[in-house]
Amino acid sequence: MEASHVAAICTLVVLLLAAETQVSVAVTCSPTQLSSCVSAITSSTPPSRLCCSKIKEQKPCLCQYLRNPSLRKFINTPNARRVASTCGTPFPKC
């Protein structure tokens, strides 16, 4: 194979890999996004699909919420940990 063909193939592979890379989208931290989880956190009801999707979406914000004294008392509870675990989102270690 000619050097120009090898270079073209390498360039194509790099472009394909770059296209496959997921673009990181900034999350807007808003504790109200977790409102669908209130019943699961305050009782023993299982979390809804919406709750789980919101927990996964807000995961980058959880440490920020834990540092807020007004929110910490709701988020740093056994039920909140259970909900996060049920949703497959590890509880953050901040």
C-alpha atoms as a PDB file:
ATOM      1  CA  MET A   1       0.000   0.000   0.000  1.00  0.00           C
ATOM      2  CA  GLU A   2       1.307   3.431  -0.838  1.00  0.00           C
ATOM      3  CA  ALA A   3       2.190   5.890   1.909  1.00  0.00           C
ATOM      4  CA  SER A   4      -0.529   8.283   0.744  1.00  0.00           C
ATOM      5  CA  HIS A   5      -3.166   5.556   1.091  1.00  0.00           C
ATOM      6  CA  VAL A   6      -1.947   4.684   4.597  1.00  0.00           C
ATOM      7  CA  ALA A   7      -2.084   8.367   5.567  1.00  0.00           C
ATOM      8  CA  ALA A   8      -5.600   8.678   4.136  1.00  0.00           C
ATOM      9  CA  ILE A   9      -6.794   5.589   6.005  1.00  0.00           C
ATOM     10  CA  CYS A  10      -5.246   6.828   9.265  1.00  0.00           C
ATOM     11  CA  THR A  11      -6.920  10.201   8.801  1.00  0.00           C
ATOM     12  CA  LEU A  12     -10.253   8.507   8.152  1.00  0.00           C
ATOM     13  CA  VAL A  13      -9.916   6.347  11.280  1.00  0.00           C
ATOM     14  CA  VAL A  14      -9.118   9.407  13.410  1.00  0.00           C
ATOM     15  CA  LEU A  15     -12.124  11.262  11.999  1.00  0.00           C
ATOM     16  CA  LEU A  16     -14.420   8.299  12.658  1.00  0.00           C
ATOM     17  CA  LEU A  17     -13.172   7.971  16.232  1.00  0.00           C
ATOM     18  CA  ALA A  18     -13.655  11.691  16.797  1.00  0.00           C
ATOM     19  CA  ALA A  19     -17.216  11.451  15.486  1.00  0.00           C
ATOM     20  CA  GLU A  20     -17.925   8.596  17.906  1.00  0.00           C
ATOM     21  CA  THR A  21     -16.700  10.568  20.914  1.00  0.00           C
ATOM     22  CA  GLN A  22     -19.640  11.707  22.987  1.00  0.00           C
ATOM     23  CA  VAL A  23     -19.944  15.418  23.458  1.00  0.00           C
ATOM     24  CA  SER A  24     -20.177  16.369  27.102  1.00  0.00           C
ATOM     25  CA  VAL A  25     -23.244  18.445  27.832  1.00  0.00           C
ATOM     26  CA  ALA A  26     -23.183  20.782  30.781  1.00  0.00           C
ATOM     27  CA  VAL A  27     -25.724  19.907  33.446  1.00  0.00           C
ATOM     28  CA  THR A  28     -27.727  22.682  35.012  1.00  0.00           C
ATOM     29  CA  CYS A  29     -27.699  21.947  38.717  1.00  0.00           C
ATOM     30  CA  SER A  30     -31.216  22.410  39.974  1.00  0.00           C
ATOM     31  CA  PRO A  31     -32.436  20.448  42.996  1.00  0.00           C
ATOM     32  CA  THR A  32     -36.017  20.910  41.782  1.00  0.00           C
ATOM     33  CA  GLN A  33     -35.105  18.454  39.012  1.00  0.00           C
ATOM     34  CA  LEU A  34     -35.195  15.778  41.717  1.00  0.00           C
ATOM     35  CA  SER A  35     -38.791  16.536  42.713  1.00  0.00           C
ATOM     36  CA  SER A  36     -39.939  13.301  41.057  1.00  0.00           C
ATOM     37  CA  CYS A  37     -37.893  11.467  43.712  1.00  0.00           C
ATOM     38  CA  VAL A  38     -39.512  13.035  46.775  1.00  0.00           C
ATOM     39  CA  SER A  39     -42.006  10.230  47.409  1.00  0.00           C
ATOM     40  CA  ALA A  40     -39.320   7.556  47.010  1.00  0.00           C
ATOM     41  CA  ILE A  41     -36.944   9.418  49.353  1.00  0.00           C
ATOM     42  CA  THR A  42     -39.529  10.235  52.024  1.00  0.00           C
ATOM     43  CA  SER A  43     -41.175   6.792  52.050  1.00  0.00           C
ATOM     44  CA  SER A  44     -40.297   3.277  51.021  1.00  0.00           C
ATOM     45  CA  THR A  45     -41.922   3.441  47.585  1.00  0.00           C
ATOM     46  CA  PRO A  46     -39.677   2.435  44.688  1.00  0.00           C
ATOM     47  CA  PRO A  47     -38.327   5.264  42.536  1.00  0.00           C
ATOM     48  CA  SER A  48     -40.016   5.950  39.216  1.00  0.00           C
ATOM     49  CA  ARG A  49     -38.201   5.824  35.891  1.00  0.00           C
ATOM     50  CA  LEU A  50     -38.358   9.610  35.783  1.00  0.00           C
ATOM     51  CA  CYS A  51     -36.776   9.803  39.237  1.00  0.00           C
ATOM     52  CA  CYS A  52     -33.941   7.500  38.165  1.00  0.00           C
ATOM     53  CA  SER A  53     -33.291   9.434  34.977  1.00  0.00           C
ATOM     54  CA  LYS A  54     -33.202  12.698  36.943  1.00  0.00           C
ATOM     55  CA  ILE A  55     -30.790  11.259  39.521  1.00  0.00           C
ATOM     56  CA  LYS A  56     -28.477  10.129  36.729  1.00  0.00           C
ATOM     57  CA  GLU A  57     -28.791  13.522  35.048  1.00  0.00           C
ATOM     58  CA  GLN A  58     -28.104  15.413  38.280  1.00  0.00           C
ATOM     59  CA  LYS A  59     -25.297  13.092  39.474  1.00  0.00           C
ATOM     60  CA  PRO A  60     -22.568  15.709  38.801  1.00  0.00           C
ATOM     61  CA  CYS A  61     -24.473  18.077  41.113  1.00  0.00           C
ATOM     62  CA  LEU A  62     -24.980  15.767  44.092  1.00  0.00           C
ATOM     63  CA  CYS A  63     -21.825  16.867  45.953  1.00  0.00           C
ATOM     64  CA  GLN A  64     -22.899  20.470  45.545  1.00  0.00           C
ATOM     65  CA  TYR A  65     -26.294  19.580  47.039  1.00  0.00           C
ATOM     66  CA  LEU A  66     -24.642  17.719  49.916  1.00  0.00           C
ATOM     67  CA  ARG A  67     -22.619  20.831  50.797  1.00  0.00           C
ATOM     68  CA  ASN A  68     -25.834  22.845  51.066  1.00  0.00           C
ATOM     69  CA  PRO A  69     -27.175  22.497  54.657  1.00  0.00           C
ATOM     70  CA  SER A  70     -30.768  22.991  53.467  1.00  0.00           C
ATOM     71  CA  LEU A  71     -30.513  20.130  50.981  1.00  0.00           C
ATOM     72  CA  ARG A  72     -28.128  17.814  52.832  1.00  0.00           C
ATOM     73  CA  LYS A  73     -30.834  16.709  55.291  1.00  0.00           C
ATOM     74  CA  PHE A  74     -32.866  15.298  52.370  1.00  0.00           C
ATOM     75  CA  ILE A  75     -30.048  13.899  50.265  1.00  0.00           C
ATOM     76  CA  ASN A  76     -27.828  12.390  52.946  1.00  0.00           C
ATOM     77  CA  THR A  77     -30.410   9.905  54.228  1.00  0.00           C
ATOM     78  CA  PRO A  78     -30.671   6.113  54.104  1.00  0.00           C
ATOM     79  CA  ASN A  79     -33.724   6.380  51.813  1.00  0.00           C
ATOM     80  CA  ALA A  80     -31.910   8.693  49.391  1.00  0.00           C
ATOM     81  CA  ARG A  81     -29.004   6.249  49.313  1.00  0.00           C
ATOM     82  CA  ARG A  82     -31.465   3.389  48.675  1.00  0.00           C
ATOM     83  CA  VAL A  83     -33.093   5.316  45.816  1.00  0.00           C
ATOM     84  CA  ALA A  84     -29.714   6.105  44.237  1.00  0.00           C
ATOM     85  CA  SER A  85     -28.688   2.460  44.568  1.00  0.00           C
ATOM     86  CA  THR A  86     -31.989   1.227  43.108  1.00  0.00           C
ATOM     87  CA  CYS A  87     -31.477   3.593  40.176  1.00  0.00           C
ATOM     88  CA  GLY A  88     -27.957   2.281  39.612  1.00  0.00           C
ATOM     89  CA  THR A  89     -26.301   5.565  40.555  1.00  0.00           C
ATOM     90  CA  PRO A  90     -23.562   5.209  43.156  1.00  0.00           C
ATOM     91  CA  PHE A  91     -23.883   7.668  46.016  1.00  0.00           C
ATOM     92  CA  PRO A  92     -21.118  10.258  45.665  1.00  0.00           C
ATOM     93  CA  LYS A  93     -18.092  10.366  47.925  1.00  0.00           C
ATOM     94  CA  CYS A  94     -17.469  14.060  48.294  1.00  0.00           C
END
